[in-house]
Amino acid sequence: MCDEKSNSDEQPDPDAIVEGITGKMCRRVRELRTERGWSLEELSTVCGVSRSMLSQIERRQTNPTLAVILRIAHAFEMSLDELVDAPKPVSAIEVIRAKDPAFRFRSDTDCQIRTLSPLHLEKDVEFYELRLGPGGELRSAAHFDGTREYVTVQRGKVRIESEDETTELGRGDSASYRADVSHAIVNAGRGEAVVFLVDIYQ
């Protein structure tokens, strides 16, 4: 006789369920905001939740109250159930399909950004594929203190700017630099530039 209980007898962990629901809601807020082309300030204006709180929610640095979640849901003209959906069992292998629109962070003529890392990891690390058309650039304000970016050029030539310092990279080159200051990746060539970009948050 076996004394151990089978896996089917184990009860789900309530804390894990809550964490999963919260995580999915945080990802949905960022996805919905990005789909609508809203900045954090614009979403803040619509829902009445501060920009700093929205930023913390998107990065899973806080657990929002029910009142805050309702305000955000109403801003997107959604019900609470539509915004907060219980997570379904997932495989241990997380796959990001090339054509999945949820991972298209930005897509226009000059700049296309696709998230290559699972969205729930974005509190610590973000991994992107960046495509810049001729003359295209990605300029960013300072991130959180201690943040660094790592880039590898897969195609073309780019110029990296980190505050007052600049350098140029060609195919196969890599660089890391401070991203807690104003910074930019600029296409310095004549054709499309393709760059793999990693943000590491301290």
C-alpha atoms as a PDB file:
ATOM      1  CA  MET A   1       0.000   0.000   0.000  1.00  0.00           C
ATOM      2  CA  CYS A   2       1.268   3.460  -0.876  1.00  0.00           C
ATOM      3  CA  ASP A   3       1.087   6.036   1.920  1.00  0.00           C
ATOM      4  CA  GLU A   4       1.600   9.054  -0.346  1.00  0.00           C
ATOM      5  CA  LYS A   5      -1.428  10.877  -1.710  1.00  0.00           C
ATOM      6  CA  SER A   6      -1.756  11.123  -5.452  1.00  0.00           C
ATOM      7  CA  ASN A   7      -1.396  14.496  -7.157  1.00  0.00           C
ATOM      8  CA  SER A   8      -5.113  14.470  -7.896  1.00  0.00           C
ATOM      9  CA  ASP A   9      -5.784  14.739  -4.128  1.00  0.00           C
ATOM     10  CA  GLU A  10      -3.713  17.878  -3.693  1.00  0.00           C
ATOM     11  CA  GLN A  11      -5.654  21.087  -3.202  1.00  0.00           C
ATOM     12  CA  PRO A  12      -4.743  24.170  -5.258  1.00  0.00           C
ATOM     13  CA  ASP A  13      -2.712  26.797  -3.415  1.00  0.00           C
ATOM     14  CA  PRO A  14      -4.973  29.861  -2.873  1.00  0.00           C
ATOM     15  CA  ASP A  15      -1.977  32.214  -2.754  1.00  0.00           C
ATOM     16  CA  ALA A  16      -0.719  30.859  -6.079  1.00  0.00           C
ATOM     17  CA  ILE A  17      -4.162  31.348  -7.641  1.00  0.00           C
ATOM     18  CA  VAL A  18      -4.355  34.961  -6.415  1.00  0.00           C
ATOM     19  CA  GLU A  19      -0.805  35.613  -7.640  1.00  0.00           C
ATOM     20  CA  GLY A  20      -1.698  34.189 -11.034  1.00  0.00           C
ATOM     21  CA  ILE A  21      -4.832  36.312 -11.354  1.00  0.00           C
ATOM     22  CA  THR A  22      -2.969  39.464 -10.284  1.00  0.00           C
ATOM     23  CA  GLY A  23      -0.129  38.753 -12.686  1.00  0.00           C
ATOM     24  CA  LYS A  24      -2.475  38.258 -15.617  1.00  0.00           C
ATOM     25  CA  MET A  25      -4.365  41.451 -14.781  1.00  0.00           C
ATOM     26  CA  CYS A  26      -1.110  43.444 -14.654  1.00  0.00           C
ATOM     27  CA  ARG A  27      -0.065  42.089 -18.049  1.00  0.00           C
ATOM     28  CA  ARG A  28      -3.490  42.846 -19.497  1.00  0.00           C
ATOM     29  CA  VAL A  29      -3.321  46.475 -18.368  1.00  0.00           C
ATOM     30  CA  ARG A  30      -0.059  46.999 -20.243  1.00  0.00           C
ATOM     31  CA  GLU A  31      -1.274  45.092 -23.311  1.00  0.00           C
ATOM     32  CA  LEU A  32      -4.524  47.061 -23.505  1.00  0.00           C
ATOM     33  CA  ARG A  33      -2.778  50.386 -22.991  1.00  0.00           C
ATOM     34  CA  THR A  34      -0.244  49.557 -25.713  1.00  0.00           C
ATOM     35  CA  GLU A  35      -2.953  48.413 -28.138  1.00  0.00           C
ATOM     36  CA  ARG A  36      -4.700  51.766 -27.747  1.00  0.00           C
ATOM     37  CA  GLY A  37      -1.471  53.737 -28.084  1.00  0.00           C
ATOM     38  CA  TRP A  38      -1.993  55.374 -24.683  1.00  0.00           C
ATOM     39  CA  SER A  39       0.808  56.694 -22.524  1.00  0.00           C
ATOM     40  CA  LEU A  40       0.687  56.120 -18.777  1.00  0.00           C
ATOM     41  CA  GLU A  41      -0.362  59.761 -18.392  1.00  0.00           C
ATOM     42  CA  GLU A  42      -3.278  59.288 -20.801  1.00  0.00           C
ATOM     43  CA  LEU A  43      -4.497  56.158 -19.016  1.00  0.00           C
ATOM     44  CA  SER A  44      -4.122  57.970 -15.696  1.00  0.00           C
ATOM     45  CA  THR A  45      -6.319  60.805 -16.965  1.00  0.00           C
ATOM     46  CA  VAL A  46      -9.022  58.410 -18.164  1.00  0.00           C
ATOM     47  CA  CYS A  47      -9.185  56.156 -15.095  1.00  0.00           C
ATOM     48  CA  GLY A  48      -8.221  58.558 -12.302  1.00  0.00           C
ATOM     49  CA  VAL A  49      -5.383  56.354 -11.042  1.00  0.00           C
ATOM     50  CA  SER A  50      -1.981  58.002 -10.614  1.00  0.00           C
ATOM     51  CA  ARG A  51       0.722  57.427 -13.223  1.00  0.00           C
ATOM     52  CA  SER A  52       3.101  56.044 -10.589  1.00  0.00           C
ATOM     53  CA  MET A  53       0.501  53.521  -9.405  1.00  0.00           C
ATOM     54  CA  LEU A  54      -0.195  52.410 -12.987  1.00  0.00           C
ATOM     55  CA  SER A  55       3.533  51.964 -13.596  1.00  0.00           C
ATOM     56  CA  GLN A  56       3.856  49.852 -10.454  1.00  0.00           C
ATOM     57  CA  ILE A  57       0.849  47.748 -11.500  1.00  0.00           C
ATOM     58  CA  GLU A  58       2.268  47.068 -14.966  1.00  0.00           C
ATOM     59  CA  ARG A  59       5.547  45.946 -13.419  1.00  0.00           C
ATOM     60  CA  ARG A  60       3.820  43.917 -10.682  1.00  0.00           C
ATOM     61  CA  GLN A  61       5.384  46.005  -7.946  1.00  0.00           C
ATOM     62  CA  THR A  62       2.101  46.447  -6.090  1.00  0.00           C
ATOM     63  CA  ASN A  63      -1.186  44.626  -5.504  1.00  0.00           C
ATOM     64  CA  PRO A  64      -3.947  47.038  -6.564  1.00  0.00           C
ATOM     65  CA  THR A  65      -7.170  47.325  -4.601  1.00  0.00           C
ATOM     66  CA  LEU A  66     -10.503  46.273  -6.061  1.00  0.00           C
ATOM     67  CA  ALA A  67     -11.486  49.932  -6.448  1.00  0.00           C
ATOM     68  CA  VAL A  68      -8.370  50.643  -8.521  1.00  0.00           C
ATOM     69  CA  ILE A  69      -8.944  47.578 -10.712  1.00  0.00           C
ATOM     70  CA  LEU A  70     -12.539  48.663 -11.334  1.00  0.00           C
ATOM     71  CA  ARG A  71     -11.413  52.134 -12.401  1.00  0.00           C
ATOM     72  CA  ILE A  72      -8.934  50.642 -14.847  1.00  0.00           C
ATOM     73  CA  ALA A  73     -11.535  48.211 -16.233  1.00  0.00           C
ATOM     74  CA  HIS A  74     -13.992  51.062 -16.793  1.00  0.00           C
ATOM     75  CA  ALA A  75     -11.302  53.078 -18.593  1.00  0.00           C
ATOM     76  CA  PHE A  76     -10.980  50.233 -21.114  1.00  0.00           C
ATOM     77  CA  GLU A  77     -14.792  49.876 -21.252  1.00  0.00           C
ATOM     78  CA  MET A  78     -14.530  46.357 -19.871  1.00  0.00           C
ATOM     79  CA  SER A  79     -16.146  44.456 -17.048  1.00  0.00           C
ATOM     80  CA  LEU A  80     -14.102  43.295 -14.092  1.00  0.00           C
ATOM     81  CA  ASP A  81     -14.393  39.689 -15.332  1.00  0.00           C
ATOM     82  CA  GLU A  82     -12.980  40.665 -18.729  1.00  0.00           C
ATOM     83  CA  LEU A  83      -9.970  42.393 -17.189  1.00  0.00           C
ATOM     84  CA  VAL A  84      -9.348  39.858 -14.429  1.00  0.00           C
ATOM     85  CA  ASP A  85      -9.565  36.335 -15.776  1.00  0.00           C
ATOM     86  CA  ALA A  86      -8.408  33.339 -13.743  1.00  0.00           C
ATOM     87  CA  PRO A  87      -5.274  31.761 -15.264  1.00  0.00           C
ATOM     88  CA  LYS A  88      -5.542  28.409 -16.995  1.00  0.00           C
ATOM     89  CA  PRO A  89      -3.051  25.587 -16.472  1.00  0.00           C
ATOM     90  CA  VAL A  90       0.006  26.183 -18.634  1.00  0.00           C
ATOM     91  CA  SER A  91       2.876  24.080 -19.868  1.00  0.00           C
ATOM     92  CA  ALA A  92       6.308  24.379 -18.265  1.00  0.00           C
ATOM     93  CA  ILE A  93       7.490  25.478 -21.721  1.00  0.00           C
ATOM     94  CA  GLU A  94       6.475  29.055 -22.498  1.00  0.00           C
ATOM     95  CA  VAL A  95       6.262  29.777 -26.210  1.00  0.00           C
ATOM     96  CA  ILE A  96       6.017  33.208 -27.815  1.00  0.00           C
ATOM     97  CA  ARG A  97       4.738  32.913 -31.365  1.00  0.00           C
ATOM     98  CA  ALA A  98       6.174  35.284 -33.937  1.00  0.00           C
ATOM     99  CA  LYS A  99       2.758  36.585 -34.972  1.00  0.00           C
ATOM    100  CA  ASP A 100       1.212  36.889 -31.486  1.00  0.00           C
ATOM    101  CA  PRO A 101      -0.107  40.503 -31.373  1.00  0.00           C
ATOM    102  CA  ALA A 102       0.044  40.566 -27.552  1.00  0.00           C
ATOM    103  CA  PHE A 103       3.847  40.749 -27.798  1.00  0.00           C
ATOM    104  CA  ARG A 104       3.920  43.559 -30.365  1.00  0.00           C
ATOM    105  CA  PHE A 105       4.994  46.421 -28.105  1.00  0.00           C
ATOM    106  CA  ARG A 106       5.200  48.928 -30.955  1.00  0.00           C
ATOM    107  CA  SER A 107       4.772  48.688 -34.708  1.00  0.00           C
ATOM    108  CA  ASP A 108       5.121  51.594 -37.120  1.00  0.00           C
ATOM    109  CA  THR A 109       7.101  52.408 -40.254  1.00  0.00           C
ATOM    110  CA  ASP A 110      10.271  53.563 -38.489  1.00  0.00           C
ATOM    111  CA  CYS A 111      10.278  51.396 -35.366  1.00  0.00           C
ATOM    112  CA  GLN A 112       8.962  47.934 -34.531  1.00  0.00           C
ATOM    113  CA  ILE A 113       9.414  46.383 -31.087  1.00  0.00           C
ATOM    114  CA  ARG A 114       8.504  42.792 -30.244  1.00  0.00           C
ATOM    115  CA  THR A 115       8.746  41.368 -26.737  1.00  0.00           C
ATOM    116  CA  LEU A 116      10.702  38.106 -26.703  1.00  0.00           C
ATOM    117  CA  SER A 117      10.476  37.394 -22.969  1.00  0.00           C
ATOM    118  CA  PRO A 118       7.374  36.163 -21.109  1.00  0.00           C
ATOM    119  CA  LEU A 119       5.466  39.212 -19.926  1.00  0.00           C
ATOM    120  CA  HIS A 120       5.412  38.065 -16.297  1.00  0.00           C
ATOM    121  CA  LEU A 121       9.235  38.449 -16.151  1.00  0.00           C
ATOM    122  CA  GLU A 122       9.124  42.160 -16.908  1.00  0.00           C
ATOM    123  CA  LYS A 123       9.653  43.143 -13.273  1.00  0.00           C
ATOM    124  CA  ASP A 124      13.287  41.991 -13.538  1.00  0.00           C
ATOM    125  CA  VAL A 125      14.219  41.591 -17.192  1.00  0.00           C
ATOM    126  CA  GLU A 126      12.806  42.521 -20.582  1.00  0.00           C
ATOM    127  CA  PHE A 127      14.005  41.013 -23.882  1.00  0.00           C
ATOM    128  CA  TYR A 128      13.068  42.653 -27.195  1.00  0.00           C
ATOM    129  CA  GLU A 129      13.604  42.409 -30.920  1.00  0.00           C
ATOM    130  CA  LEU A 130      13.962  45.948 -32.278  1.00  0.00           C
ATOM    131  CA  ARG A 131      13.656  46.767 -35.986  1.00  0.00           C
ATOM    132  CA  LEU A 132      14.517  50.282 -37.125  1.00  0.00           C
ATOM    133  CA  GLY A 133      13.827  51.508 -40.635  1.00  0.00           C
ATOM    134  CA  PRO A 134      16.238  53.929 -42.350  1.00  0.00           C
ATOM    135  CA  GLY A 135      16.406  57.021 -40.155  1.00  0.00           C
ATOM    136  CA  GLY A 136      14.430  55.264 -37.406  1.00  0.00           C
ATOM    137  CA  GLU A 137      15.284  55.587 -33.735  1.00  0.00           C
ATOM    138  CA  LEU A 138      14.136  54.510 -30.297  1.00  0.00           C
ATOM    139  CA  ARG A 139      14.552  57.268 -27.724  1.00  0.00           C
ATOM    140  CA  SER A 140      13.777  56.612 -24.090  1.00  0.00           C
ATOM    141  CA  ALA A 141      13.617  58.626 -20.902  1.00  0.00           C
ATOM    142  CA  ALA A 142      15.581  57.406 -17.892  1.00  0.00           C
ATOM    143  CA  HIS A 143      14.385  54.089 -16.452  1.00  0.00           C
ATOM    144  CA  PHE A 144      14.611  53.100 -12.776  1.00  0.00           C
ATOM    145  CA  ASP A 145      17.927  53.684 -10.968  1.00  0.00           C
ATOM    146  CA  GLY A 146      20.475  50.989 -11.767  1.00  0.00           C
ATOM    147  CA  THR A 147      18.826  49.861 -15.003  1.00  0.00           C
ATOM    148  CA  ARG A 148      21.197  48.762 -17.781  1.00  0.00           C
ATOM    149  CA  GLU A 149      20.530  47.841 -21.385  1.00  0.00           C
ATOM    150  CA  TYR A 150      22.370  45.224 -23.417  1.00  0.00           C
ATOM    151  CA  VAL A 151      22.206  45.243 -27.216  1.00  0.00           C
ATOM    152  CA  THR A 152      23.441  42.964 -29.985  1.00  0.00           C
ATOM    153  CA  VAL A 153      23.187  44.033 -33.617  1.00  0.00           C
ATOM    154  CA  GLN A 154      21.878  41.282 -35.884  1.00  0.00           C
ATOM    155  CA  ARG A 155      21.668  43.427 -39.030  1.00  0.00           C
ATOM    156  CA  GLY A 156      22.732  46.914 -40.097  1.00  0.00           C
ATOM    157  CA  LYS A 157      24.474  49.657 -38.155  1.00  0.00           C
ATOM    158  CA  VAL A 158      23.216  51.576 -35.098  1.00  0.00           C
ATOM    159  CA  ARG A 159      24.369  54.414 -32.889  1.00  0.00           C
ATOM    160  CA  ILE A 160      23.979  53.999 -29.137  1.00  0.00           C
ATOM    161  CA  GLU A 161      23.465  57.116 -27.031  1.00  0.00           C
ATOM    162  CA  SER A 162      23.606  57.067 -23.219  1.00  0.00           C
ATOM    163  CA  GLU A 163      23.335  60.580 -21.822  1.00  0.00           C
ATOM    164  CA  ASP A 164      26.382  62.382 -23.293  1.00  0.00           C
ATOM    165  CA  GLU A 165      28.217  59.304 -24.601  1.00  0.00           C
ATOM    166  CA  THR A 166      27.779  57.682 -28.023  1.00  0.00           C
ATOM    167  CA  THR A 167      29.193  54.726 -29.928  1.00  0.00           C
ATOM    168  CA  GLU A 168      28.424  52.948 -33.197  1.00  0.00           C
ATOM    169  CA  LEU A 169      27.832  49.222 -33.572  1.00  0.00           C
ATOM    170  CA  GLY A 170      27.810  47.002 -36.640  1.00  0.00           C
ATOM    171  CA  ARG A 171      26.514  43.505 -37.329  1.00  0.00           C
ATOM    172  CA  GLY A 172      27.512  41.100 -34.552  1.00  0.00           C
ATOM    173  CA  ASP A 173      28.618  43.866 -32.178  1.00  0.00           C
ATOM    174  CA  SER A 174      27.274  44.061 -28.633  1.00  0.00           C
ATOM    175  CA  ALA A 175      27.276  46.781 -25.987  1.00  0.00           C
ATOM    176  CA  SER A 176      25.890  47.550 -22.555  1.00  0.00           C
ATOM    177  CA  TYR A 177      25.161  50.978 -21.105  1.00  0.00           C
ATOM    178  CA  ARG A 178      23.295  52.903 -18.450  1.00  0.00           C
ATOM    179  CA  ALA A 179      19.571  53.160 -19.045  1.00  0.00           C
ATOM    180  CA  ASP A 180      18.772  55.141 -15.890  1.00  0.00           C
ATOM    181  CA  VAL A 181      19.622  58.243 -17.941  1.00  0.00           C
ATOM    182  CA  SER A 182      18.171  59.417 -21.255  1.00  0.00           C
ATOM    183  CA  HIS A 183      19.287  57.000 -23.972  1.00  0.00           C
ATOM    184  CA  ALA A 184      18.633  56.051 -27.584  1.00  0.00           C
ATOM    185  CA  ILE A 185      19.238  53.477 -30.301  1.00  0.00           C
ATOM    186  CA  VAL A 186      19.473  55.135 -33.720  1.00  0.00           C
ATOM    187  CA  ASN A 187      19.710  53.492 -37.144  1.00  0.00           C
ATOM    188  CA  ALA A 188      23.014  54.809 -38.496  1.00  0.00           C
ATOM    189  CA  GLY A 189      22.901  52.861 -41.760  1.00  0.00           C
ATOM    190  CA  ARG A 190      20.985  53.017 -45.020  1.00  0.00           C
ATOM    191  CA  GLY A 191      18.954  49.836 -44.635  1.00  0.00           C
ATOM    192  CA  GLU A 192      16.878  48.243 -41.880  1.00  0.00           C
ATOM    193  CA  ALA A 193      18.655  47.639 -38.582  1.00  0.00           C
ATOM    194  CA  VAL A 194      17.699  44.666 -36.403  1.00  0.00           C
ATOM    195  CA  VAL A 195      18.807  44.718 -32.785  1.00  0.00           C
ATOM    196  CA  PHE A 196      18.214  42.391 -29.833  1.00  0.00           C
ATOM    197  CA  LEU A 197      17.714  44.461 -26.688  1.00  0.00           C
ATOM    198  CA  VAL A 198      17.696  43.358 -23.041  1.00  0.00           C
ATOM    199  CA  ASP A 199      16.716  45.602 -20.118  1.00  0.00           C
ATOM    200  CA  ILE A 200      17.945  44.513 -16.683  1.00  0.00           C
ATOM    201  CA  TYR A 201      16.320  46.166 -13.657  1.00  0.00           C
ATOM    202  CA  GLN A 202      18.170  46.259 -10.339  1.00  0.00           C
END
